[in-house]
PDB file of N, CA and C in Angstrom:
ATOM      1  N   MET A   1     -39.966 -73.862 131.849  1.00  0.00           N
ATOM      2  CA  MET A   1     -41.146 -73.399 131.184  1.00  0.00           C
ATOM      3  C   MET A   1     -41.345 -74.176 129.879  1.00  0.00           C
ATOM      4  N   ARG A   2     -40.228 -74.419 129.183  1.00  0.00           N
ATOM      5  CA  ARG A   2     -40.341 -75.150 127.924  1.00  0.00           C
ATOM      6  C   ARG A   2     -41.033 -76.491 128.131  1.00  0.00           C
ATOM      7  N   GLU A   3     -40.657 -77.209 129.187  1.00  0.00           N
ATOM      8  CA  GLU A   3     -41.236 -78.523 129.448  1.00  0.00           C
ATOM      9  C   GLU A   3     -42.749 -78.442 129.634  1.00  0.00           C
ATOM     10  N   ALA A   4     -43.218 -77.344 130.184  1.00  0.00           N
ATOM     11  CA  ALA A   4     -44.652 -77.181 130.421  1.00  0.00           C
ATOM     12  C   ALA A   4     -45.405 -76.801 129.148  1.00  0.00           C
ATOM     13  N   LEU A   5     -44.774 -76.015 128.279  1.00  0.00           N
ATOM     14  CA  LEU A   5     -45.486 -75.483 127.119  1.00  0.00           C
ATOM     15  C   LEU A   5     -45.356 -76.317 125.850  1.00  0.00           C
ATOM     16  N   ILE A   6     -44.280 -77.054 125.688  1.00  0.00           N
ATOM     17  CA  ILE A   6     -44.088 -77.845 124.465  1.00  0.00           C
ATOM     18  C   ILE A   6     -45.252 -78.812 124.227  1.00  0.00           C
ATOM     19  N   PRO A   7     -45.711 -79.559 125.244  1.00  0.00           N
ATOM     20  CA  PRO A   7     -46.836 -80.465 124.986  1.00  0.00           C
ATOM     21  C   PRO A   7     -48.088 -79.735 124.501  1.00  0.00           C
ATOM     22  N   LEU A   8     -48.318 -78.541 124.995  1.00  0.00           N
ATOM     23  CA  LEU A   8     -49.464 -77.767 124.526  1.00  0.00           C
ATOM     24  C   LEU A   8     -49.258 -77.302 123.085  1.00  0.00           C
ATOM     25  N   LEU A   9     -48.048 -76.873 122.766  1.00  0.00           N
ATOM     26  CA  LEU A   9     -47.755 -76.428 121.413  1.00  0.00           C
ATOM     27  C   LEU A   9     -47.855 -77.580 120.408  1.00  0.00           C
ATOM     28  N   GLN A  10     -47.530 -78.776 120.852  1.00  0.00           N
ATOM     29  CA  GLN A  10     -47.598 -79.931 119.966  1.00  0.00           C
ATOM     30  C   GLN A  10     -49.035 -80.242 119.533  1.00  0.00           C
ATOM     31  N   LEU A  11     -50.004 -79.723 120.247  1.00  0.00           N
ATOM     32  CA  LEU A  11     -51.408 -79.910 119.883  1.00  0.00           C
ATOM     33  C   LEU A  11     -51.841 -78.960 118.757  1.00  0.00           C
ATOM     34  N   SER A  12     -51.022 -77.977 118.475  1.00  0.00           N
ATOM     35  CA  SER A  12     -51.365 -76.969 117.473  1.00  0.00           C
ATOM     36  C   SER A  12     -51.031 -77.448 116.056  1.00  0.00           C
ATOM     37  N   ASP A  13     -51.782 -76.927 115.091  1.00  0.00           N
ATOM     38  CA  ASP A  13     -51.482 -77.192 113.690  1.00  0.00           C
ATOM     39  C   ASP A  13     -50.268 -76.392 113.208  1.00  0.00           C
ATOM     40  N   SER A  14     -49.978 -75.312 113.899  1.00  0.00           N
ATOM     41  CA  SER A  14     -48.837 -74.475 113.506  1.00  0.00           C
ATOM     42  C   SER A  14     -48.137 -73.935 114.763  1.00  0.00           C
ATOM     43  N   PRO A  15     -47.444 -74.811 115.486  1.00  0.00           N
ATOM     44  CA  PRO A  15     -46.779 -74.361 116.715  1.00  0.00           C
ATOM     45  C   PRO A  15     -45.641 -73.379 116.422  1.00  0.00           C
ATOM     46  N   ARG A  16     -45.570 -72.346 117.227  1.00  0.00           N
ATOM     47  CA  ARG A  16     -44.559 -71.308 117.043  1.00  0.00           C
ATOM     48  C   ARG A  16     -43.965 -70.896 118.378  1.00  0.00           C
ATOM     49  N   ILE A  17     -42.676 -70.629 118.343  1.00  0.00           N
ATOM     50  CA  ILE A  17     -41.973 -70.034 119.474  1.00  0.00           C
ATOM     51  C   ILE A  17     -41.180 -68.866 118.921  1.00  0.00           C
ATOM     52  N   VAL A  18     -41.374 -67.686 119.482  1.00  0.00           N
ATOM     53  CA  VAL A  18     -40.645 -66.494 119.055  1.00  0.00           C
ATOM     54  C   VAL A  18     -39.952 -65.915 120.281  1.00  0.00           C
ATOM     55  N   ASN A  19     -38.635 -65.873 120.224  1.00  0.00           N
ATOM     56  CA  ASN A  19     -37.851 -65.283 121.301  1.00  0.00           C
ATOM     57  C   ASN A  19     -37.434 -63.877 120.897  1.00  0.00           C
ATOM     58  N   VAL A  20     -37.579 -62.934 121.805  1.00  0.00           N
ATOM     59  CA  VAL A  20     -37.174 -61.559 121.534  1.00  0.00           C
ATOM     60  C   VAL A  20     -35.689 -61.443 121.860  1.00  0.00           C
ATOM     61  N   SER A  21     -34.931 -61.080 120.862  1.00  0.00           N
ATOM     62  CA  SER A  21     -33.486 -61.045 121.003  1.00  0.00           C
ATOM     63  C   SER A  21     -32.960 -59.643 120.755  1.00  0.00           C
ATOM     64  N   SER A  22     -31.746 -59.580 120.262  1.00  0.00           N
ATOM     65  CA  SER A  22     -31.089 -58.302 120.044  1.00  0.00           C
ATOM     66  C   SER A  22     -30.038 -58.459 118.967  1.00  0.00           C
ATOM     67  N   SER A  23     -29.754 -57.392 118.296  1.00  0.00           N
ATOM     68  CA  SER A  23     -28.652 -57.431 117.335  1.00  0.00           C
ATOM     69  C   SER A  23     -27.318 -57.485 118.078  1.00  0.00           C
ATOM     70  N   GLY A  24     -27.362 -57.299 119.374  1.00  0.00           N
ATOM     71  CA  GLY A  24     -26.148 -57.329 120.195  1.00  0.00           C
ATOM     72  C   GLY A  24     -25.842 -58.709 120.735  1.00  0.00           C
ATOM     73  N   GLY A  25     -26.061 -59.734 119.979  1.00  0.00           N
ATOM     74  CA  GLY A  25     -25.819 -61.100 120.432  1.00  0.00           C
ATOM     75  C   GLY A  25     -24.401 -61.556 120.166  1.00  0.00           C
ATOM     76  N   LEU A  26     -24.268 -62.675 119.477  1.00  0.00           N
ATOM     77  CA  LEU A  26     -22.984 -63.342 119.287  1.00  0.00           C
ATOM     78  C   LEU A  26     -21.923 -62.460 118.644  1.00  0.00           C
ATOM     79  N   LYS A  27     -22.319 -61.595 117.727  1.00  0.00           N
ATOM     80  CA  LYS A  27     -21.314 -60.766 117.051  1.00  0.00           C
ATOM     81  C   LYS A  27     -20.586 -59.836 118.016  1.00  0.00           C
ATOM     82  N   ASN A  28     -21.156 -59.604 119.194  1.00  0.00           N
ATOM     83  CA  ASN A  28     -20.518 -58.736 120.184  1.00  0.00           C
ATOM     84  C   ASN A  28     -19.824 -59.513 121.302  1.00  0.00           C
ATOM     85  N   VAL A  29     -19.772 -60.834 121.174  1.00  0.00           N
ATOM     86  CA  VAL A  29     -19.054 -61.655 122.165  1.00  0.00           C
ATOM     87  C   VAL A  29     -17.610 -61.763 121.699  1.00  0.00           C
ATOM     88  N   SER A  30     -16.708 -61.188 122.466  1.00  0.00           N
ATOM     89  CA  SER A  30     -15.307 -61.133 122.060  1.00  0.00           C
ATOM     90  C   SER A  30     -14.488 -62.327 122.550  1.00  0.00           C
ATOM     91  N   ASN A  31     -15.034 -63.137 123.446  1.00  0.00           N
ATOM     92  CA  ASN A  31     -14.333 -64.317 123.928  1.00  0.00           C
ATOM     93  C   ASN A  31     -14.369 -65.382 122.828  1.00  0.00           C
ATOM     94  N   GLU A  32     -13.213 -65.705 122.261  1.00  0.00           N
ATOM     95  CA  GLU A  32     -13.150 -66.611 121.113  1.00  0.00           C
ATOM     96  C   GLU A  32     -13.668 -68.012 121.432  1.00  0.00           C
ATOM     97  N   TRP A  33     -13.379 -68.501 122.627  1.00  0.00           N
ATOM     98  CA  TRP A  33     -13.851 -69.826 123.043  1.00  0.00           C
ATOM     99  C   TRP A  33     -15.377 -69.859 123.045  1.00  0.00           C
ATOM    100  N   ALA A  34     -15.996 -68.845 123.652  1.00  0.00           N
ATOM    101  CA  ALA A  34     -17.457 -68.786 123.724  1.00  0.00           C
ATOM    102  C   ALA A  34     -18.067 -68.616 122.336  1.00  0.00           C
ATOM    103  N   THR A  35     -17.468 -67.780 121.517  1.00  0.00           N
ATOM    104  CA  THR A  35     -17.967 -67.562 120.171  1.00  0.00           C
ATOM    105  C   THR A  35     -17.924 -68.851 119.352  1.00  0.00           C
ATOM    106  N   ALA A  36     -16.859 -69.607 119.507  1.00  0.00           N
ATOM    107  CA  ALA A  36     -16.729 -70.871 118.770  1.00  0.00           C
ATOM    108  C   ALA A  36     -17.819 -71.855 119.192  1.00  0.00           C
ATOM    109  N   ILE A  37     -18.090 -71.935 120.471  1.00  0.00           N
ATOM    110  CA  ILE A  37     -19.116 -72.869 120.960  1.00  0.00           C
ATOM    111  C   ILE A  37     -20.506 -72.414 120.548  1.00  0.00           C
ATOM    112  N   LEU A  38     -20.846 -71.165 120.838  1.00  0.00           N
ATOM    113  CA  LEU A  38     -22.196 -70.674 120.555  1.00  0.00           C
ATOM    114  C   LEU A  38     -22.466 -70.529 119.056  1.00  0.00           C
ATOM    115  N   GLY A  39     -21.423 -70.389 118.268  1.00  0.00           N
ATOM    116  CA  GLY A  39     -21.596 -70.244 116.837  1.00  0.00           C
ATOM    117  C   GLY A  39     -21.595 -71.556 116.065  1.00  0.00           C
ATOM    118  N   ASP A  40     -21.329 -72.664 116.745  1.00  0.00           N
ATOM    119  CA  ASP A  40     -21.275 -73.975 116.098  1.00  0.00           C
ATOM    120  C   ASP A  40     -22.656 -74.621 116.135  1.00  0.00           C
ATOM    121  N   ALA A  41     -23.524 -74.191 115.225  1.00  0.00           N
ATOM    122  CA  ALA A  41     -24.930 -74.620 115.242  1.00  0.00           C
ATOM    123  C   ALA A  41     -25.094 -76.130 115.124  1.00  0.00           C
ATOM    124  N   GLU A  42     -24.224 -76.786 114.386  1.00  0.00           N
ATOM    125  CA  GLU A  42     -24.353 -78.235 114.176  1.00  0.00           C
ATOM    126  C   GLU A  42     -24.118 -79.043 115.449  1.00  0.00           C
ATOM    127  N   ASN A  43     -23.215 -78.576 116.306  1.00  0.00           N
ATOM    128  CA  ASN A  43     -22.840 -79.331 117.506  1.00  0.00           C
ATOM    129  C   ASN A  43     -23.329 -78.695 118.802  1.00  0.00           C
ATOM    130  N   LEU A  44     -24.177 -77.711 118.689  1.00  0.00           N
ATOM    131  CA  LEU A  44     -24.654 -76.977 119.851  1.00  0.00           C
ATOM    132  C   LEU A  44     -25.589 -77.822 120.703  1.00  0.00           C
ATOM    133  N   THR A  45     -25.401 -77.767 122.024  1.00  0.00           N
ATOM    134  CA  THR A  45     -26.275 -78.463 122.970  1.00  0.00           C
ATOM    135  C   THR A  45     -26.587 -77.514 124.125  1.00  0.00           C
ATOM    136  N   GLU A  46     -27.626 -77.845 124.873  1.00  0.00           N
ATOM    137  CA  GLU A  46     -27.958 -77.044 126.055  1.00  0.00           C
ATOM    138  C   GLU A  46     -26.798 -77.059 127.042  1.00  0.00           C
ATOM    139  N   GLU A  47     -26.141 -78.203 127.161  1.00  0.00           N
ATOM    140  CA  GLU A  47     -25.022 -78.325 128.097  1.00  0.00           C
ATOM    141  C   GLU A  47     -23.869 -77.396 127.707  1.00  0.00           C
ATOM    142  N   LYS A  48     -23.627 -77.261 126.413  1.00  0.00           N
ATOM    143  CA  LYS A  48     -22.558 -76.359 125.966  1.00  0.00           C
ATOM    144  C   LYS A  48     -22.914 -74.899 126.229  1.00  0.00           C
ATOM    145  N   VAL A  49     -24.170 -74.544 126.032  1.00  0.00           N
ATOM    146  CA  VAL A  49     -24.609 -73.175 126.347  1.00  0.00           C
ATOM    147  C   VAL A  49     -24.451 -72.930 127.843  1.00  0.00           C
ATOM    148  N   ASP A  50     -24.864 -73.889 128.657  1.00  0.00           N
ATOM    149  CA  ASP A  50     -24.711 -73.765 130.111  1.00  0.00           C
ATOM    150  C   ASP A  50     -23.241 -73.640 130.505  1.00  0.00           C
ATOM    151  N   GLU A  51     -22.370 -74.378 129.823  1.00  0.00           N
ATOM    152  CA  GLU A  51     -20.940 -74.314 130.114  1.00  0.00           C
ATOM    153  C   GLU A  51     -20.389 -72.920 129.856  1.00  0.00           C
ATOM    154  N   VAL A  52     -20.793 -72.324 128.742  1.00  0.00           N
ATOM    155  CA  VAL A  52     -20.340 -70.962 128.415  1.00  0.00           C
ATOM    156  C   VAL A  52     -20.832 -69.972 129.471  1.00  0.00           C
ATOM    157  N   LEU A  53     -22.104 -70.070 129.828  1.00  0.00           N
ATOM    158  CA  LEU A  53     -22.654 -69.144 130.825  1.00  0.00           C
ATOM    159  C   LEU A  53     -22.029 -69.350 132.197  1.00  0.00           C
ATOM    160  N   SER A  54     -21.747 -70.594 132.556  1.00  0.00           N
ATOM    161  CA  SER A  54     -21.092 -70.877 133.846  1.00  0.00           C
ATOM    162  C   SER A  54     -19.686 -70.289 133.877  1.00  0.00           C
ATOM    163  N   GLN A  55     -18.965 -70.402 132.769  1.00  0.00           N
ATOM    164  CA  GLN A  55     -17.616 -69.837 132.712  1.00  0.00           C
ATOM    165  C   GLN A  55     -17.672 -68.313 132.800  1.00  0.00           C
ATOM    166  N   TYR A  56     -18.635 -67.721 132.120  1.00  0.00           N
ATOM    167  CA  TYR A  56     -18.795 -66.274 132.211  1.00  0.00           C
ATOM    168  C   TYR A  56     -19.061 -65.858 133.661  1.00  0.00           C
ATOM    169  N   MET A  57     -19.983 -66.548 134.325  1.00  0.00           N
ATOM    170  CA  MET A  57     -20.308 -66.210 135.718  1.00  0.00           C
ATOM    171  C   MET A  57     -19.090 -66.364 136.628  1.00  0.00           C
ATOM    172  N   LYS A  58     -18.309 -67.403 136.414  1.00  0.00           N
ATOM    173  CA  LYS A  58     -17.087 -67.610 137.202  1.00  0.00           C
ATOM    174  C   LYS A  58     -16.140 -66.435 136.999  1.00  0.00           C
ATOM    175  N   ASP A  59     -15.923 -66.069 135.739  1.00  0.00           N
ATOM    176  CA  ASP A  59     -15.029 -64.955 135.438  1.00  0.00           C
ATOM    177  C   ASP A  59     -15.584 -63.634 135.977  1.00  0.00           C
ATOM    178  N   TYR A  60     -16.890 -63.466 135.919  1.00  0.00           N
ATOM    179  CA  TYR A  60     -17.519 -62.257 136.451  1.00  0.00           C
ATOM    180  C   TYR A  60     -17.278 -62.155 137.959  1.00  0.00           C
ATOM    181  N   LYS A  61     -17.516 -63.250 138.672  1.00  0.00           N
ATOM    182  CA  LYS A  61     -17.332 -63.248 140.133  1.00  0.00           C
ATOM    183  C   LYS A  61     -15.876 -63.003 140.512  1.00  0.00           C
ATOM    184  N   GLU A  62     -14.957 -63.436 139.657  1.00  0.00           N
ATOM    185  CA  GLU A  62     -13.531 -63.230 139.920  1.00  0.00           C
ATOM    186  C   GLU A  62     -13.071 -61.837 139.488  1.00  0.00           C
ATOM    187  N   GLY A  63     -13.948 -61.078 138.828  1.00  0.00           N
ATOM    188  CA  GLY A  63     -13.590 -59.748 138.355  1.00  0.00           C
ATOM    189  C   GLY A  63     -12.678 -59.777 137.136  1.00  0.00           C
ATOM    190  N   SER A  64     -12.743 -60.862 136.376  1.00  0.00           N
ATOM    191  CA  SER A  64     -11.833 -60.999 135.233  1.00  0.00           C
ATOM    192  C   SER A  64     -12.565 -61.041 133.895  1.00  0.00           C
ATOM    193  N   VAL A  65     -13.702 -60.366 133.822  1.00  0.00           N
ATOM    194  CA  VAL A  65     -14.498 -60.387 132.595  1.00  0.00           C
ATOM    195  C   VAL A  65     -13.686 -59.868 131.406  1.00  0.00           C
ATOM    196  N   GLU A  66     -13.099 -58.687 131.550  1.00  0.00           N
ATOM    197  CA  GLU A  66     -12.362 -58.102 130.426  1.00  0.00           C
ATOM    198  C   GLU A  66     -11.075 -58.852 130.126  1.00  0.00           C
ATOM    199  N   THR A  67     -10.347 -59.262 131.152  1.00  0.00           N
ATOM    200  CA  THR A  67      -9.080 -59.959 130.903  1.00  0.00           C
ATOM    201  C   THR A  67      -9.297 -61.337 130.283  1.00  0.00           C
ATOM    202  N   LYS A  68     -10.476 -61.927 130.475  1.00  0.00           N
ATOM    203  CA  LYS A  68     -10.780 -63.227 129.873  1.00  0.00           C
ATOM    204  C   LYS A  68     -11.444 -63.090 128.508  1.00  0.00           C
ATOM    205  N   GLY A  69     -11.554 -61.856 128.016  1.00  0.00           N
ATOM    206  CA  GLY A  69     -12.053 -61.639 126.667  1.00  0.00           C
ATOM    207  C   GLY A  69     -13.564 -61.542 126.529  1.00  0.00           C
ATOM    208  N   TRP A  70     -14.263 -61.347 127.636  1.00  0.00           N
ATOM    209  CA  TRP A  70     -15.713 -61.169 127.551  1.00  0.00           C
ATOM    210  C   TRP A  70     -16.002 -59.726 127.184  1.00  0.00           C
ATOM    211  N   PRO A  71     -17.184 -59.435 126.670  1.00  0.00           N
ATOM    212  CA  PRO A  71     -17.500 -58.046 126.316  1.00  0.00           C
ATOM    213  C   PRO A  71     -17.374 -57.115 127.519  1.00  0.00           C
ATOM    214  N   ALA A  72     -16.819 -55.953 127.285  1.00  0.00           N
ATOM    215  CA  ALA A  72     -16.624 -54.989 128.364  1.00  0.00           C
ATOM    216  C   ALA A  72     -17.883 -54.163 128.620  1.00  0.00           C
ATOM    217  N   TYR A  73     -18.700 -53.997 127.602  1.00  0.00           N
ATOM    218  CA  TYR A  73     -19.870 -53.130 127.674  1.00  0.00           C
ATOM    219  C   TYR A  73     -21.129 -53.990 127.664  1.00  0.00           C
ATOM    220  N   PHE A  74     -21.952 -53.893 128.704  1.00  0.00           N
ATOM    221  CA  PHE A  74     -23.190 -54.687 128.811  1.00  0.00           C
ATOM    222  C   PHE A  74     -22.930 -56.177 128.622  1.00  0.00           C
ATOM    223  N   SER A  75     -21.902 -56.681 129.290  1.00  0.00           N
ATOM    224  CA  SER A  75     -21.490 -58.066 129.053  1.00  0.00           C
ATOM    225  C   SER A  75     -22.577 -59.087 129.406  1.00  0.00           C
ATOM    226  N   ALA A  76     -23.261 -58.914 130.511  1.00  0.00           N
ATOM    227  CA  ALA A  76     -24.304 -59.880 130.888  1.00  0.00           C
ATOM    228  C   ALA A  76     -25.448 -59.863 129.875  1.00  0.00           C
ATOM    229  N   TYR A  77     -25.835 -58.678 129.449  1.00  0.00           N
ATOM    230  CA  TYR A  77     -26.896 -58.550 128.446  1.00  0.00           C
ATOM    231  C   TYR A  77     -26.475 -59.225 127.133  1.00  0.00           C
ATOM    232  N   THR A  78     -25.283 -58.923 126.696  1.00  0.00           N
ATOM    233  CA  THR A  78     -24.773 -59.484 125.449  1.00  0.00           C
ATOM    234  C   THR A  78     -24.728 -61.003 125.507  1.00  0.00           C
ATOM    235  N   LEU A  79     -24.202 -61.539 126.611  1.00  0.00           N
ATOM    236  CA  LEU A  79     -24.121 -63.001 126.755  1.00  0.00           C
ATOM    237  C   LEU A  79     -25.498 -63.627 126.841  1.00  0.00           C
ATOM    238  N   SER A  80     -26.426 -62.965 127.508  1.00  0.00           N
ATOM    239  CA  SER A  80     -27.773 -63.534 127.614  1.00  0.00           C
ATOM    240  C   SER A  80     -28.440 -63.616 126.249  1.00  0.00           C
ATOM    241  N   LYS A  81     -28.239 -62.611 125.409  1.00  0.00           N
ATOM    242  CA  LYS A  81     -28.829 -62.634 124.071  1.00  0.00           C
ATOM    243  C   LYS A  81     -28.144 -63.666 123.179  1.00  0.00           C
ATOM    244  N   ALA A  82     -26.829 -63.774 123.262  1.00  0.00           N
ATOM    245  CA  ALA A  82     -26.113 -64.788 122.482  1.00  0.00           C
ATOM    246  C   ALA A  82     -26.550 -66.186 122.910  1.00  0.00           C
ATOM    247  N   ALA A  83     -26.734 -66.383 124.210  1.00  0.00           N
ATOM    248  CA  ALA A  83     -27.186 -67.688 124.707  1.00  0.00           C
ATOM    249  C   ALA A  83     -28.618 -67.977 124.264  1.00  0.00           C
ATOM    250  N   MET A  84     -29.472 -66.961 124.287  1.00  0.00           N
ATOM    251  CA  MET A  84     -30.844 -67.175 123.835  1.00  0.00           C
ATOM    252  C   MET A  84     -30.888 -67.523 122.357  1.00  0.00           C
ATOM    253  N   ASN A  85     -30.078 -66.861 121.558  1.00  0.00           N
ATOM    254  CA  ASN A  85     -30.025 -67.175 120.134  1.00  0.00           C
ATOM    255  C   ASN A  85     -29.561 -68.620 119.929  1.00  0.00           C
ATOM    256  N   ALA A  86     -28.561 -69.032 120.692  1.00  0.00           N
ATOM    257  CA  ALA A  86     -28.062 -70.405 120.590  1.00  0.00           C
ATOM    258  C   ALA A  86     -29.145 -71.390 121.028  1.00  0.00           C
ATOM    259  N   TYR A  87     -29.809 -71.089 122.119  1.00  0.00           N
ATOM    260  CA  TYR A  87     -30.866 -71.969 122.624  1.00  0.00           C
ATOM    261  C   TYR A  87     -32.017 -72.066 121.615  1.00  0.00           C
ATOM    262  N   THR A  88     -32.305 -70.984 120.934  1.00  0.00           N
ATOM    263  CA  THR A  88     -33.351 -70.991 119.909  1.00  0.00           C
ATOM    264  C   THR A  88     -32.970 -71.954 118.785  1.00  0.00           C
ATOM    265  N   ARG A  89     -31.696 -71.944 118.396  1.00  0.00           N
ATOM    266  CA  ARG A  89     -31.242 -72.888 117.364  1.00  0.00           C
ATOM    267  C   ARG A  89     -31.373 -74.333 117.844  1.00  0.00           C
ATOM    268  N   ILE A  90     -31.079 -74.572 119.111  1.00  0.00           N
ATOM    269  CA  ILE A  90     -31.210 -75.924 119.676  1.00  0.00           C
ATOM    270  C   ILE A  90     -32.663 -76.374 119.618  1.00  0.00           C
ATOM    271  N   LEU A  91     -33.575 -75.503 120.040  1.00  0.00           N
ATOM    272  CA  LEU A  91     -35.001 -75.847 120.007  1.00  0.00           C
ATOM    273  C   LEU A  91     -35.491 -76.103 118.581  1.00  0.00           C
ATOM    274  N   ALA A  92     -35.044 -75.264 117.646  1.00  0.00           N
ATOM    275  CA  ALA A  92     -35.475 -75.425 116.258  1.00  0.00           C
ATOM    276  C   ALA A  92     -35.023 -76.769 115.696  1.00  0.00           C
ATOM    277  N   LYS A  93     -33.848 -77.187 116.087  1.00  0.00           N
ATOM    278  CA  LYS A  93     -33.332 -78.480 115.622  1.00  0.00           C
ATOM    279  C   LYS A  93     -34.084 -79.633 116.296  1.00  0.00           C
ATOM    280  N   LYS A  94     -34.421 -79.453 117.561  1.00  0.00           N
ATOM    281  CA  LYS A  94     -35.098 -80.499 118.335  1.00  0.00           C
ATOM    282  C   LYS A  94     -36.557 -80.666 117.914  1.00  0.00           C
ATOM    283  N   TYR A  95     -37.181 -79.573 117.502  1.00  0.00           N
ATOM    284  CA  TYR A  95     -38.601 -79.592 117.117  1.00  0.00           C
ATOM    285  C   TYR A  95     -38.762 -79.065 115.687  1.00  0.00           C
ATOM    286  N   PRO A  96     -38.384 -79.857 114.692  1.00  0.00           N
ATOM    287  CA  PRO A  96     -38.415 -79.369 113.316  1.00  0.00           C
ATOM    288  C   PRO A  96     -39.814 -79.065 112.787  1.00  0.00           C
ATOM    289  N   GLY A  97     -40.847 -79.578 113.426  1.00  0.00           N
ATOM    290  CA  GLY A  97     -42.215 -79.282 113.002  1.00  0.00           C
ATOM    291  C   GLY A  97     -42.744 -77.957 113.536  1.00  0.00           C
ATOM    292  N   PHE A  98     -41.961 -77.309 114.390  1.00  0.00           N
ATOM    293  CA  PHE A  98     -42.331 -76.013 114.949  1.00  0.00           C
ATOM    294  C   PHE A  98     -41.675 -74.911 114.122  1.00  0.00           C
ATOM    295  N   CYS A  99     -42.269 -73.751 114.131  1.00  0.00           N
ATOM    296  CA  CYS A  99     -41.638 -72.550 113.602  1.00  0.00           C
ATOM    297  C   CYS A  99     -41.013 -71.845 114.810  1.00  0.00           C
ATOM    298  N   ILE A 100     -39.693 -71.875 114.900  1.00  0.00           N
ATOM    299  CA  ILE A 100     -38.991 -71.330 116.067  1.00  0.00           C
ATOM    300  C   ILE A 100     -37.936 -70.352 115.573  1.00  0.00           C
ATOM    301  N   ASN A 101     -38.004 -69.123 116.074  1.00  0.00           N
ATOM    302  CA  ASN A 101     -37.014 -68.136 115.676  1.00  0.00           C
ATOM    303  C   ASN A 101     -36.850 -67.041 116.714  1.00  0.00           C
ATOM    304  N   CYS A 102     -35.878 -66.196 116.457  1.00  0.00           N
ATOM    305  CA  CYS A 102     -35.633 -65.000 117.273  1.00  0.00           C
ATOM    306  C   CYS A 102     -35.962 -63.779 116.424  1.00  0.00           C
ATOM    307  N   VAL A 103     -36.397 -62.749 117.074  1.00  0.00           N
ATOM    308  CA  VAL A 103     -36.607 -61.478 116.394  1.00  0.00           C
ATOM    309  C   VAL A 103     -35.886 -60.386 117.164  1.00  0.00           C
ATOM    310  N   CYS A 104     -35.455 -59.387 116.438  1.00  0.00           N
ATOM    311  CA  CYS A 104     -34.855 -58.212 117.037  1.00  0.00           C
ATOM    312  C   CYS A 104     -35.769 -57.039 116.727  1.00  0.00           C
ATOM    313  N   PRO A 105     -36.417 -56.480 117.753  1.00  0.00           N
ATOM    314  CA  PRO A 105     -37.379 -55.413 117.492  1.00  0.00           C
ATOM    315  C   PRO A 105     -36.737 -54.075 117.161  1.00  0.00           C
ATOM    316  N   GLY A 106     -35.418 -54.020 117.209  1.00  0.00           N
ATOM    317  CA  GLY A 106     -34.750 -52.745 116.993  1.00  0.00           C
ATOM    318  C   GLY A 106     -34.706 -51.964 118.295  1.00  0.00           C
ATOM    319  N   PHE A 107     -34.385 -50.708 118.201  1.00  0.00           N
ATOM    320  CA  PHE A 107     -34.284 -49.884 119.399  1.00  0.00           C
ATOM    321  C   PHE A 107     -35.647 -49.742 120.069  1.00  0.00           C
ATOM    322  N   VAL A 108     -35.657 -49.978 121.359  1.00  0.00           N
ATOM    323  CA  VAL A 108     -36.861 -49.829 122.162  1.00  0.00           C
ATOM    324  C   VAL A 108     -36.503 -48.940 123.353  1.00  0.00           C
ATOM    325  N   LYS A 109     -37.250 -47.898 123.554  1.00  0.00           N
ATOM    326  CA  LYS A 109     -36.984 -46.991 124.672  1.00  0.00           C
ATOM    327  C   LYS A 109     -37.329 -47.699 125.975  1.00  0.00           C
ATOM    328  N   THR A 110     -36.306 -47.975 126.766  1.00  0.00           N
ATOM    329  CA  THR A 110     -36.477 -48.625 128.062  1.00  0.00           C
ATOM    330  C   THR A 110     -35.655 -47.871 129.092  1.00  0.00           C
ATOM    331  N   ASP A 111     -35.681 -48.342 130.336  1.00  0.00           N
ATOM    332  CA  ASP A 111     -34.849 -47.730 131.375  1.00  0.00           C
ATOM    333  C   ASP A 111     -33.365 -47.860 131.066  1.00  0.00           C
ATOM    334  N   ARG A 112     -33.030 -48.896 130.284  1.00  0.00           N
ATOM    335  CA  ARG A 112     -31.623 -49.093 129.917  1.00  0.00           C
ATOM    336  C   ARG A 112     -31.140 -47.946 129.027  1.00  0.00           C
ATOM    337  N   TYR A 113     -32.028 -47.450 128.171  1.00  0.00           N
ATOM    338  CA  TYR A 113     -31.690 -46.361 127.260  1.00  0.00           C
ATOM    339  C   TYR A 113     -32.568 -45.163 127.558  1.00  0.00           C
ATOM    340  N   LYS A 114     -32.039 -44.222 128.276  1.00  0.00           N
ATOM    341  CA  LYS A 114     -32.795 -43.010 128.580  1.00  0.00           C
ATOM    342  C   LYS A 114     -32.425 -41.945 127.557  1.00  0.00           C
ATOM    343  N   LEU A 115     -33.437 -41.439 126.910  1.00  0.00           N
ATOM    344  CA  LEU A 115     -33.203 -40.418 125.882  1.00  0.00           C
ATOM    345  C   LEU A 115     -33.290 -39.038 126.459  1.00  0.00           C
TER     346      LEU A 115
END
């Protein structure tokens, strides 16, 4: 999708990308290897984000999420938000003329949270 929309955004005087994230991102990733990679903003690449997600998926399929240090609670959600935050940093670095950020809307009543 990015490949399709970036050229259109480049035509704007004030291009913006806003990703909806969560406060449950990187700070809730307990795997030290993944945290080190996703938290290293200076050396972060799409390939490194993909590597972290691929390792998580491998561990998930093997049933070793907790033993490998991944979050025990909502692990896929947590990893997806941490990866999105990392990807947002990559985009911001790649397109410095754009305003690119993540926002956390706070608690939102969804099917995930039934009150």
